[in-house]
Amino acid sequence: MNELQFLDPAGWKPAKGYANGIAASGRTVFLGGQIGWTGQQIFESDDFVDQVRQALENIVAVLAEAGGTPDRIVRMTWFITDKAEYVARLKEVGDVYRAVIGRHFPAMTMVQVTALIEDRAKVEIEATAVLAQ
């Protein structure tokens, strides 16, 4: 069986919405950064939360090509262009995250950047998953 071990050191305050670390063994799948456009590379919205949803849906679709599901994601890196908007809309982002990914919270990093390669993109998310061999 290919289990994930969540790494939470004794005495640490519990992580909320992410994991401090995950140990896993199996087939590693690396997903390139996904942005808020469709598989046809069309932005259907310039809204931040809509783009988060689309980026997460893109991750789920690419991961499915490898036979994986969101609960096998062990790491995500988020690149956002506006920290203030993220913080102001955190509840909406959380709702969208749980709707698409579920209640699985991998190790995560978030970085604010000045811009992304696609001018309309407000978020880019890359992920790593570990599947059973």
N, C-alpha and C. Protein backbone atom coordinates (compact mmCIF):
# COMPACT_ATOMS: atom_id res chain seq x y z
N MET A 1 0.85 -1.19 0.00
CA MET A 1 0.00 0.00 0.00
C MET A 1 0.89 1.24 0.00
N ASN A 2 0.49 2.22 -0.71
CA ASN A 2 1.26 3.46 -0.83
C ASN A 2 0.58 4.52 0.04
N GLU A 3 1.05 4.68 1.26
CA GLU A 3 0.45 5.63 2.19
C GLU A 3 1.26 6.92 2.24
N LEU A 4 0.59 7.98 2.59
CA LEU A 4 1.26 9.26 2.83
C LEU A 4 1.41 9.42 4.33
N GLN A 5 2.56 9.89 4.77
CA GLN A 5 2.79 10.16 6.18
C GLN A 5 2.90 11.68 6.34
N PHE A 6 1.96 12.26 7.06
CA PHE A 6 1.99 13.69 7.31
C PHE A 6 2.96 13.96 8.45
N LEU A 7 3.86 14.91 8.24
CA LEU A 7 4.93 15.19 9.19
C LEU A 7 4.59 16.41 10.02
N ASP A 8 4.18 16.17 11.25
CA ASP A 8 3.80 17.23 12.18
C ASP A 8 4.60 17.05 13.47
N PRO A 9 5.69 17.79 13.64
CA PRO A 9 6.52 17.63 14.84
C PRO A 9 5.73 17.87 16.13
N ALA A 10 6.03 17.08 17.13
CA ALA A 10 5.39 17.21 18.44
C ALA A 10 5.61 18.62 18.98
N GLY A 11 4.57 19.19 19.54
CA GLY A 11 4.67 20.52 20.14
C GLY A 11 4.43 21.67 19.17
N TRP A 12 4.36 21.39 17.88
CA TRP A 12 4.11 22.45 16.90
C TRP A 12 2.61 22.74 16.85
N LYS A 13 2.27 23.98 16.63
CA LYS A 13 0.89 24.37 16.39
C LYS A 13 0.44 23.70 15.08
N PRO A 14 -0.75 23.12 15.05
CA PRO A 14 -1.21 22.45 13.83
C PRO A 14 -1.25 23.40 12.63
N ALA A 15 -0.81 22.90 11.48
CA ALA A 15 -0.90 23.66 10.24
C ALA A 15 -2.36 23.77 9.84
N LYS A 16 -2.77 24.90 9.32
CA LYS A 16 -4.16 25.11 8.90
C LYS A 16 -4.18 25.38 7.39
N GLY A 17 -4.75 24.45 6.64
CA GLY A 17 -4.85 24.62 5.20
C GLY A 17 -3.63 24.15 4.42
N TYR A 18 -2.68 23.54 5.09
CA TYR A 18 -1.47 23.00 4.44
C TYR A 18 -0.84 22.01 5.39
N ALA A 19 0.12 21.24 4.92
CA ALA A 19 0.89 20.32 5.76
C ALA A 19 2.31 20.87 5.89
N ASN A 20 2.92 20.65 7.04
CA ASN A 20 4.33 21.04 7.20
C ASN A 20 5.23 20.17 6.33
N GLY A 21 4.87 18.93 6.17
CA GLY A 21 5.63 18.02 5.33
C GLY A 21 4.88 16.73 5.12
N ILE A 22 5.24 16.00 4.08
CA ILE A 22 4.65 14.70 3.78
C ILE A 22 5.76 13.78 3.30
N ALA A 23 5.79 12.56 3.83
CA ALA A 23 6.69 11.52 3.34
C ALA A 23 5.85 10.55 2.51
N ALA A 24 6.36 10.12 1.36
CA ALA A 24 5.62 9.23 0.48
C ALA A 24 6.59 8.39 -0.34
N SER A 25 6.12 7.26 -0.80
CA SER A 25 6.90 6.47 -1.74
C SER A 25 5.97 6.03 -2.85
N GLY A 26 6.51 5.87 -4.05
CA GLY A 26 5.70 5.47 -5.19
C GLY A 26 6.17 6.17 -6.45
N ARG A 27 5.30 6.27 -7.43
CA ARG A 27 5.59 6.92 -8.71
C ARG A 27 5.34 8.41 -8.56
N THR A 28 6.38 9.21 -8.78
CA THR A 28 6.28 10.66 -8.62
C THR A 28 5.82 11.30 -9.92
N VAL A 29 4.84 12.19 -9.79
CA VAL A 29 4.30 12.91 -10.94
C VAL A 29 4.50 14.40 -10.68
N PHE A 30 5.17 15.07 -11.59
CA PHE A 30 5.44 16.50 -11.48
C PHE A 30 4.54 17.24 -12.45
N LEU A 31 3.75 18.18 -11.94
CA LEU A 31 2.85 18.95 -12.77
C LEU A 31 3.40 20.35 -12.94
N GLY A 32 3.50 20.79 -14.17
CA GLY A 32 3.95 22.15 -14.45
C GLY A 32 2.93 23.15 -13.93
N GLY A 33 3.36 24.39 -13.81
CA GLY A 33 2.48 25.44 -13.31
C GLY A 33 1.22 25.57 -14.15
N GLN A 34 0.09 25.54 -13.49
CA GLN A 34 -1.21 25.68 -14.16
C GLN A 34 -1.78 27.05 -13.80
N ILE A 35 -2.30 27.72 -14.81
CA ILE A 35 -2.88 29.04 -14.61
C ILE A 35 -4.39 28.97 -14.83
N GLY A 36 -5.05 30.10 -14.70
CA GLY A 36 -6.50 30.16 -14.75
C GLY A 36 -7.11 30.22 -16.13
N TRP A 37 -6.52 29.51 -17.08
CA TRP A 37 -7.17 29.41 -18.39
C TRP A 37 -7.59 27.97 -18.63
N THR A 38 -8.46 27.77 -19.62
CA THR A 38 -8.97 26.44 -19.93
C THR A 38 -7.90 25.62 -20.65
N GLY A 39 -8.23 24.37 -20.91
CA GLY A 39 -7.35 23.51 -21.69
C GLY A 39 -7.13 24.01 -23.11
N GLN A 40 -7.99 24.92 -23.56
CA GLN A 40 -7.83 25.54 -24.88
C GLN A 40 -7.06 26.86 -24.78
N GLN A 41 -6.50 27.13 -23.60
CA GLN A 41 -5.71 28.34 -23.34
C GLN A 41 -6.53 29.62 -23.52
N ILE A 42 -7.75 29.56 -23.00
CA ILE A 42 -8.66 30.71 -23.03
C ILE A 42 -9.00 31.10 -21.60
N PHE A 43 -8.81 32.37 -21.27
CA PHE A 43 -9.25 32.89 -19.98
C PHE A 43 -10.74 33.17 -20.07
N GLU A 44 -11.51 32.53 -19.21
CA GLU A 44 -12.95 32.78 -19.18
C GLU A 44 -13.30 33.84 -18.15
N SER A 45 -12.33 34.23 -17.32
CA SER A 45 -12.58 35.23 -16.28
C SER A 45 -11.27 35.89 -15.87
N ASP A 46 -11.38 37.15 -15.46
CA ASP A 46 -10.25 37.85 -14.88
C ASP A 46 -10.38 37.93 -13.35
N ASP A 47 -11.40 37.27 -12.81
CA ASP A 47 -11.60 37.24 -11.37
C ASP A 47 -10.58 36.30 -10.72
N PHE A 48 -9.96 36.73 -9.63
CA PHE A 48 -8.93 35.95 -8.95
C PHE A 48 -9.43 34.58 -8.53
N VAL A 49 -10.57 34.50 -7.86
CA VAL A 49 -11.07 33.22 -7.36
C VAL A 49 -11.46 32.29 -8.52
N ASP A 50 -12.05 32.85 -9.57
CA ASP A 50 -12.36 32.04 -10.75
C ASP A 50 -11.08 31.44 -11.34
N GLN A 51 -10.01 32.23 -11.37
CA GLN A 51 -8.75 31.72 -11.91
C GLN A 51 -8.14 30.66 -11.00
N VAL A 52 -8.29 30.82 -9.69
CA VAL A 52 -7.82 29.78 -8.77
C VAL A 52 -8.56 28.48 -9.05
N ARG A 53 -9.89 28.57 -9.17
CA ARG A 53 -10.69 27.36 -9.47
C ARG A 53 -10.20 26.69 -10.75
N GLN A 54 -10.02 27.47 -11.81
CA GLN A 54 -9.61 26.90 -13.09
C GLN A 54 -8.22 26.27 -12.99
N ALA A 55 -7.30 26.94 -12.32
CA ALA A 55 -5.94 26.39 -12.15
C ALA A 55 -6.00 25.06 -11.40
N LEU A 56 -6.80 24.98 -10.35
CA LEU A 56 -6.94 23.73 -9.60
C LEU A 56 -7.60 22.65 -10.43
N GLU A 57 -8.62 23.02 -11.21
CA GLU A 57 -9.26 22.05 -12.11
C GLU A 57 -8.27 21.54 -13.15
N ASN A 58 -7.39 22.41 -13.61
CA ASN A 58 -6.35 22.00 -14.56
C ASN A 58 -5.41 20.99 -13.92
N ILE A 59 -5.03 21.23 -12.67
CA ILE A 59 -4.16 20.30 -11.95
C ILE A 59 -4.83 18.93 -11.85
N VAL A 60 -6.10 18.91 -11.48
CA VAL A 60 -6.83 17.65 -11.36
C VAL A 60 -6.87 16.93 -12.72
N ALA A 61 -7.08 17.66 -13.80
CA ALA A 61 -7.15 17.05 -15.13
C ALA A 61 -5.80 16.47 -15.55
N VAL A 62 -4.72 17.20 -15.34
CA VAL A 62 -3.39 16.70 -15.72
C VAL A 62 -3.03 15.49 -14.85
N LEU A 63 -3.31 15.58 -13.56
CA LEU A 63 -3.02 14.47 -12.65
C LEU A 63 -3.80 13.22 -13.05
N ALA A 64 -5.03 13.39 -13.48
CA ALA A 64 -5.85 12.25 -13.92
C ALA A 64 -5.20 11.53 -15.10
N GLU A 65 -4.49 12.26 -15.95
CA GLU A 65 -3.80 11.64 -17.09
C GLU A 65 -2.76 10.62 -16.63
N ALA A 66 -2.23 10.80 -15.42
CA ALA A 66 -1.26 9.86 -14.85
C ALA A 66 -1.95 8.80 -13.99
N GLY A 67 -3.29 8.87 -13.92
CA GLY A 67 -4.03 7.92 -13.11
C GLY A 67 -4.14 8.33 -11.65
N GLY A 68 -3.89 9.62 -11.37
CA GLY A 68 -3.90 10.10 -10.00
C GLY A 68 -5.14 10.88 -9.64
N THR A 69 -5.31 11.07 -8.36
CA THR A 69 -6.40 11.85 -7.80
C THR A 69 -5.82 12.91 -6.86
N PRO A 70 -6.58 13.95 -6.56
CA PRO A 70 -6.04 15.05 -5.75
C PRO A 70 -5.48 14.63 -4.39
N ASP A 71 -6.00 13.56 -3.80
CA ASP A 71 -5.51 13.14 -2.49
C ASP A 71 -4.09 12.58 -2.54
N ARG A 72 -3.51 12.49 -3.73
CA ARG A 72 -2.13 12.01 -3.89
C ARG A 72 -1.14 13.16 -4.06
N ILE A 73 -1.64 14.39 -4.06
CA ILE A 73 -0.75 15.56 -4.17
C ILE A 73 0.01 15.70 -2.86
N VAL A 74 1.34 15.83 -2.97
CA VAL A 74 2.17 15.97 -1.77
C VAL A 74 2.74 17.37 -1.62
N ARG A 75 2.75 18.14 -2.70
CA ARG A 75 3.31 19.49 -2.63
C ARG A 75 2.66 20.38 -3.67
N MET A 76 2.41 21.63 -3.28
CA MET A 76 1.93 22.65 -4.22
C MET A 76 2.71 23.93 -3.97
N THR A 77 3.03 24.62 -5.06
CA THR A 77 3.61 25.95 -4.97
C THR A 77 2.69 26.89 -5.72
N TRP A 78 2.23 27.92 -5.01
CA TRP A 78 1.32 28.91 -5.58
C TRP A 78 2.11 30.19 -5.83
N PHE A 79 1.93 30.77 -7.00
CA PHE A 79 2.48 32.07 -7.34
C PHE A 79 1.28 32.99 -7.57
N ILE A 80 1.18 34.06 -6.81
CA ILE A 80 0.06 34.99 -6.94
C ILE A 80 0.60 36.38 -7.21
N THR A 81 -0.20 37.18 -7.90
CA THR A 81 0.25 38.53 -8.25
C THR A 81 -0.23 39.59 -7.26
N ASP A 82 -1.13 39.22 -6.35
CA ASP A 82 -1.68 40.22 -5.43
C ASP A 82 -1.99 39.59 -4.08
N LYS A 83 -1.07 39.73 -3.14
CA LYS A 83 -1.24 39.17 -1.80
C LYS A 83 -2.48 39.75 -1.11
N ALA A 84 -2.71 41.05 -1.26
CA ALA A 84 -3.86 41.68 -0.60
C ALA A 84 -5.18 41.06 -1.08
N GLU A 85 -5.29 40.80 -2.37
CA GLU A 85 -6.51 40.19 -2.88
C GLU A 85 -6.65 38.77 -2.34
N TYR A 86 -5.57 38.02 -2.31
CA TYR A 86 -5.61 36.67 -1.76
C TYR A 86 -6.11 36.70 -0.31
N VAL A 87 -5.53 37.55 0.51
CA VAL A 87 -5.91 37.63 1.93
C VAL A 87 -7.37 38.07 2.07
N ALA A 88 -7.78 39.04 1.29
CA ALA A 88 -9.15 39.55 1.37
C ALA A 88 -10.17 38.49 0.94
N ARG A 89 -9.76 37.56 0.10
CA ARG A 89 -10.70 36.57 -0.45
C ARG A 89 -10.36 35.15 0.00
N LEU A 90 -9.65 35.05 1.10
CA LEU A 90 -9.17 33.76 1.59
C LEU A 90 -10.30 32.75 1.80
N LYS A 91 -11.43 33.18 2.35
CA LYS A 91 -12.54 32.25 2.56
C LYS A 91 -13.03 31.69 1.22
N GLU A 92 -13.17 32.56 0.21
CA GLU A 92 -13.61 32.10 -1.11
C GLU A 92 -12.59 31.13 -1.72
N VAL A 93 -11.31 31.47 -1.56
CA VAL A 93 -10.25 30.59 -2.07
C VAL A 93 -10.34 29.23 -1.39
N GLY A 94 -10.54 29.24 -0.07
CA GLY A 94 -10.67 27.99 0.67
C GLY A 94 -11.87 27.17 0.21
N ASP A 95 -12.98 27.84 -0.03
CA ASP A 95 -14.18 27.15 -0.51
C ASP A 95 -13.93 26.50 -1.87
N VAL A 96 -13.29 27.23 -2.77
CA VAL A 96 -12.99 26.71 -4.10
C VAL A 96 -11.98 25.55 -3.99
N TYR A 97 -10.98 25.72 -3.16
CA TYR A 97 -9.97 24.66 -2.98
C TYR A 97 -10.65 23.37 -2.54
N ARG A 98 -11.48 23.44 -1.50
CA ARG A 98 -12.14 22.24 -0.99
C ARG A 98 -13.10 21.65 -2.01
N ALA A 99 -13.76 22.50 -2.81
CA ALA A 99 -14.68 22.01 -3.84
C ALA A 99 -13.94 21.22 -4.92
N VAL A 100 -12.72 21.63 -5.25
CA VAL A 100 -11.97 20.98 -6.34
C VAL A 100 -11.03 19.90 -5.81
N ILE A 101 -10.28 20.19 -4.78
CA ILE A 101 -9.26 19.27 -4.27
C ILE A 101 -9.79 18.41 -3.13
N GLY A 102 -10.73 18.92 -2.37
CA GLY A 102 -11.25 18.20 -1.21
C GLY A 102 -10.57 18.68 0.06
N ARG A 103 -10.65 17.89 1.09
CA ARG A 103 -10.04 18.24 2.37
C ARG A 103 -8.66 17.60 2.51
N HIS A 104 -7.90 17.66 1.45
CA HIS A 104 -6.53 17.16 1.42
C HIS A 104 -5.61 18.37 1.32
N PHE A 105 -4.73 18.51 2.28
CA PHE A 105 -3.87 19.69 2.34
C PHE A 105 -2.41 19.27 2.32
N PRO A 106 -1.77 19.32 1.15
CA PRO A 106 -0.36 18.94 1.04
C PRO A 106 0.57 20.04 1.58
N ALA A 107 1.85 19.76 1.54
CA ALA A 107 2.83 20.80 1.85
C ALA A 107 2.67 21.89 0.80
N MET A 108 2.59 23.15 1.24
CA MET A 108 2.34 24.24 0.29
C MET A 108 3.25 25.43 0.57
N THR A 109 3.56 26.11 -0.51
CA THR A 109 4.29 27.37 -0.45
C THR A 109 3.53 28.36 -1.32
N MET A 110 3.45 29.61 -0.85
CA MET A 110 2.83 30.66 -1.65
C MET A 110 3.80 31.81 -1.76
N VAL A 111 3.93 32.32 -2.97
CA VAL A 111 4.87 33.41 -3.24
C VAL A 111 4.13 34.49 -4.03
N GLN A 112 4.29 35.74 -3.62
CA GLN A 112 3.78 36.85 -4.43
C GLN A 112 4.84 37.22 -5.46
N VAL A 113 4.41 37.36 -6.70
CA VAL A 113 5.32 37.74 -7.78
C VAL A 113 4.78 39.02 -8.43
N THR A 114 5.63 39.72 -9.13
CA THR A 114 5.19 40.96 -9.77
C THR A 114 4.35 40.70 -11.00
N ALA A 115 4.59 39.58 -11.66
CA ALA A 115 3.82 39.24 -12.86
C ALA A 115 4.05 37.78 -13.19
N LEU A 116 3.14 37.24 -14.00
CA LEU A 116 3.29 35.89 -14.56
C LEU A 116 3.46 36.04 -16.06
N ILE A 117 3.91 35.01 -16.71
CA ILE A 117 4.21 35.09 -18.15
C ILE A 117 2.98 35.48 -18.96
N GLU A 118 1.83 34.90 -18.63
CA GLU A 118 0.59 35.29 -19.31
C GLU A 118 0.05 36.53 -18.60
N ASP A 119 -0.10 37.61 -19.31
CA ASP A 119 -0.48 38.89 -18.70
C ASP A 119 -1.78 38.84 -17.90
N ARG A 120 -2.75 38.06 -18.34
CA ARG A 120 -4.04 38.02 -17.63
C ARG A 120 -4.03 37.10 -16.42
N ALA A 121 -3.00 36.29 -16.29
CA ALA A 121 -2.94 35.32 -15.19
C ALA A 121 -2.71 36.03 -13.86
N LYS A 122 -3.50 35.63 -12.86
CA LYS A 122 -3.37 36.18 -11.51
C LYS A 122 -2.81 35.14 -10.54
N VAL A 123 -2.79 33.88 -10.96
CA VAL A 123 -2.30 32.79 -10.12
C VAL A 123 -1.71 31.71 -11.02
N GLU A 124 -0.66 31.08 -10.52
CA GLU A 124 -0.10 29.90 -11.16
C GLU A 124 0.23 28.92 -10.05
N ILE A 125 -0.18 27.66 -10.24
CA ILE A 125 0.01 26.65 -9.20
C ILE A 125 0.70 25.44 -9.83
N GLU A 126 1.81 25.03 -9.22
CA GLU A 126 2.45 23.79 -9.64
C GLU A 126 2.27 22.76 -8.54
N ALA A 127 2.33 21.49 -8.89
CA ALA A 127 2.06 20.44 -7.92
C ALA A 127 2.95 19.22 -8.18
N THR A 128 3.15 18.46 -7.12
CA THR A 128 3.83 17.18 -7.19
C THR A 128 2.92 16.17 -6.51
N ALA A 129 2.78 15.02 -7.11
CA ALA A 129 1.95 13.94 -6.53
C ALA A 129 2.78 12.66 -6.50
N VAL A 130 2.42 11.77 -5.60
CA VAL A 130 3.05 10.45 -5.52
C VAL A 130 1.95 9.42 -5.61
N LEU A 131 2.02 8.58 -6.66
CA LEU A 131 1.02 7.56 -6.92
C LEU A 131 1.57 6.18 -6.56
N ALA A 132 0.70 5.22 -6.38
CA ALA A 132 1.13 3.85 -6.15
C ALA A 132 1.89 3.37 -7.37
N GLN A 133 2.90 2.54 -7.14
CA GLN A 133 3.71 2.04 -8.25
C GLN A 133 3.04 0.90 -8.96
